[in-house]
């Protein structure tokens, strides 16, 4: 299954307390489990910069990844981006195939 990177930024209303942030995260994950049963979370990070979180997950296809992004936005994140990702060794193999 393809890997995807999810960058998310909390809305200012969601960062009022750690408890509310945790509740928002749990509601989001429950909705993803219900609506996207094939999605598997690999890692989650809090990051500094324009985003608050970086999550790495696998999904069956781009449509499912887009659904994850929509659910993340619906449950309280003000912005999210999904980027497809491949391992560097796979990328090198692709480059070798180019004439």
Protein backbone atom coordinates (compact mmCIF):
# COMPACT_ATOMS: atom_id res chain seq x y z
CA UNK A 1 0.00 0.00 0.00
CA UNK A 2 1.26 3.51 -0.75
CA UNK A 3 2.56 5.76 2.02
CA UNK A 4 1.17 9.24 2.56
CA UNK A 5 2.36 12.17 4.66
CA UNK A 6 -0.34 14.19 6.39
CA UNK A 7 0.61 17.67 7.54
CA UNK A 8 -2.02 19.29 9.78
CA UNK A 9 -2.44 22.58 11.59
CA UNK A 10 -4.90 22.95 14.46
CA UNK A 11 -7.40 25.78 14.37
CA UNK A 12 -6.89 28.32 17.14
CA UNK A 13 -10.09 27.10 18.85
CA UNK A 14 -8.60 23.61 19.20
CA UNK A 15 -5.43 24.64 21.01
CA UNK A 16 -7.17 26.10 24.04
CA UNK A 17 -6.25 23.07 26.14
CA UNK A 18 -4.38 19.79 25.89
CA UNK A 19 -7.58 17.96 26.83
CA UNK A 20 -9.55 19.48 23.95
CA UNK A 21 -6.70 18.71 21.54
CA UNK A 22 -6.71 15.08 22.69
CA UNK A 23 -10.50 14.83 22.25
CA UNK A 24 -10.23 16.28 18.76
CA UNK A 25 -7.54 13.76 17.86
CA UNK A 26 -9.58 10.82 19.19
CA UNK A 27 -12.73 11.90 17.30
CA UNK A 28 -10.69 12.24 14.12
CA UNK A 29 -9.05 8.83 14.47
CA UNK A 30 -12.42 7.17 15.21
CA UNK A 31 -13.92 8.73 12.07
CA UNK A 32 -10.96 7.57 9.98
CA UNK A 33 -11.23 4.01 11.35
CA UNK A 34 -14.95 3.97 10.56
CA UNK A 35 -14.79 5.54 7.10
CA UNK A 36 -11.39 4.29 5.90
CA UNK A 37 -10.90 0.81 7.36
CA UNK A 38 -7.81 0.03 5.25
CA UNK A 39 -5.80 2.99 6.54
CA UNK A 40 -2.89 2.09 8.79
CA UNK A 41 -1.12 4.71 10.90
CA UNK A 42 2.66 4.29 10.91
CA UNK A 43 3.93 7.32 12.87
CA UNK A 44 2.76 10.58 14.38
CA UNK A 45 4.92 13.60 15.18
CA UNK A 46 4.40 17.03 16.66
CA UNK A 47 6.54 19.41 14.59
CA UNK A 48 7.68 23.01 14.60
CA UNK A 49 7.02 25.17 11.58
CA UNK A 50 3.88 25.96 9.62
CA UNK A 51 2.21 22.72 10.75
CA UNK A 52 1.49 21.28 14.19
CA UNK A 53 1.57 17.61 13.24
CA UNK A 54 3.04 15.21 10.71
CA UNK A 55 1.45 11.78 10.42
CA UNK A 56 2.61 8.96 8.18
CA UNK A 57 0.00 6.44 7.08
CA UNK A 58 -0.69 3.88 4.38
CA UNK A 59 -3.86 3.76 2.32
CA UNK A 60 -5.14 1.65 -0.54
CA UNK A 61 -5.24 4.55 -2.98
CA UNK A 62 -5.30 8.32 -3.49
CA UNK A 63 -9.09 8.47 -3.04
CA UNK A 64 -8.80 7.00 0.45
CA UNK A 65 -5.98 9.41 1.32
CA UNK A 66 -8.15 12.33 0.20
CA UNK A 67 -10.95 11.05 2.39
CA UNK A 68 -8.53 11.02 5.36
CA UNK A 69 -7.65 14.65 4.62
CA UNK A 70 -11.33 15.64 4.49
CA UNK A 71 -12.04 13.90 7.80
CA UNK A 72 -9.07 15.61 9.45
CA UNK A 73 -10.39 19.01 8.37
CA UNK A 74 -13.94 18.16 9.42
CA UNK A 75 -12.89 17.32 12.96
CA UNK A 76 -11.15 20.55 13.86
CA UNK A 77 -7.95 21.06 11.95
CA UNK A 78 -7.84 24.33 10.08
CA UNK A 79 -5.57 23.04 7.34
CA UNK A 80 -4.22 19.73 6.15
CA UNK A 81 -2.15 18.53 3.24
CA UNK A 82 -1.59 15.01 1.98
CA UNK A 83 1.60 14.16 0.12
CA UNK A 84 2.25 10.77 -1.47
CA UNK A 85 5.66 9.35 -0.57
CA UNK A 86 7.93 6.52 -1.68
CA UNK A 87 11.09 5.16 -0.11
CA UNK A 88 14.32 6.51 -1.54
CA UNK A 89 15.43 3.09 -2.75
CA UNK A 90 12.25 2.85 -4.85
CA UNK A 91 12.88 6.33 -6.22
CA UNK A 92 16.44 5.36 -7.20
CA UNK A 93 15.09 2.35 -9.11
CA UNK A 94 12.73 4.62 -11.02
CA UNK A 95 15.60 6.96 -11.93
CA UNK A 96 17.63 4.00 -13.20
CA UNK A 97 14.82 3.15 -15.63
CA UNK A 98 14.98 6.58 -17.26
CA UNK A 99 17.18 6.76 -20.33
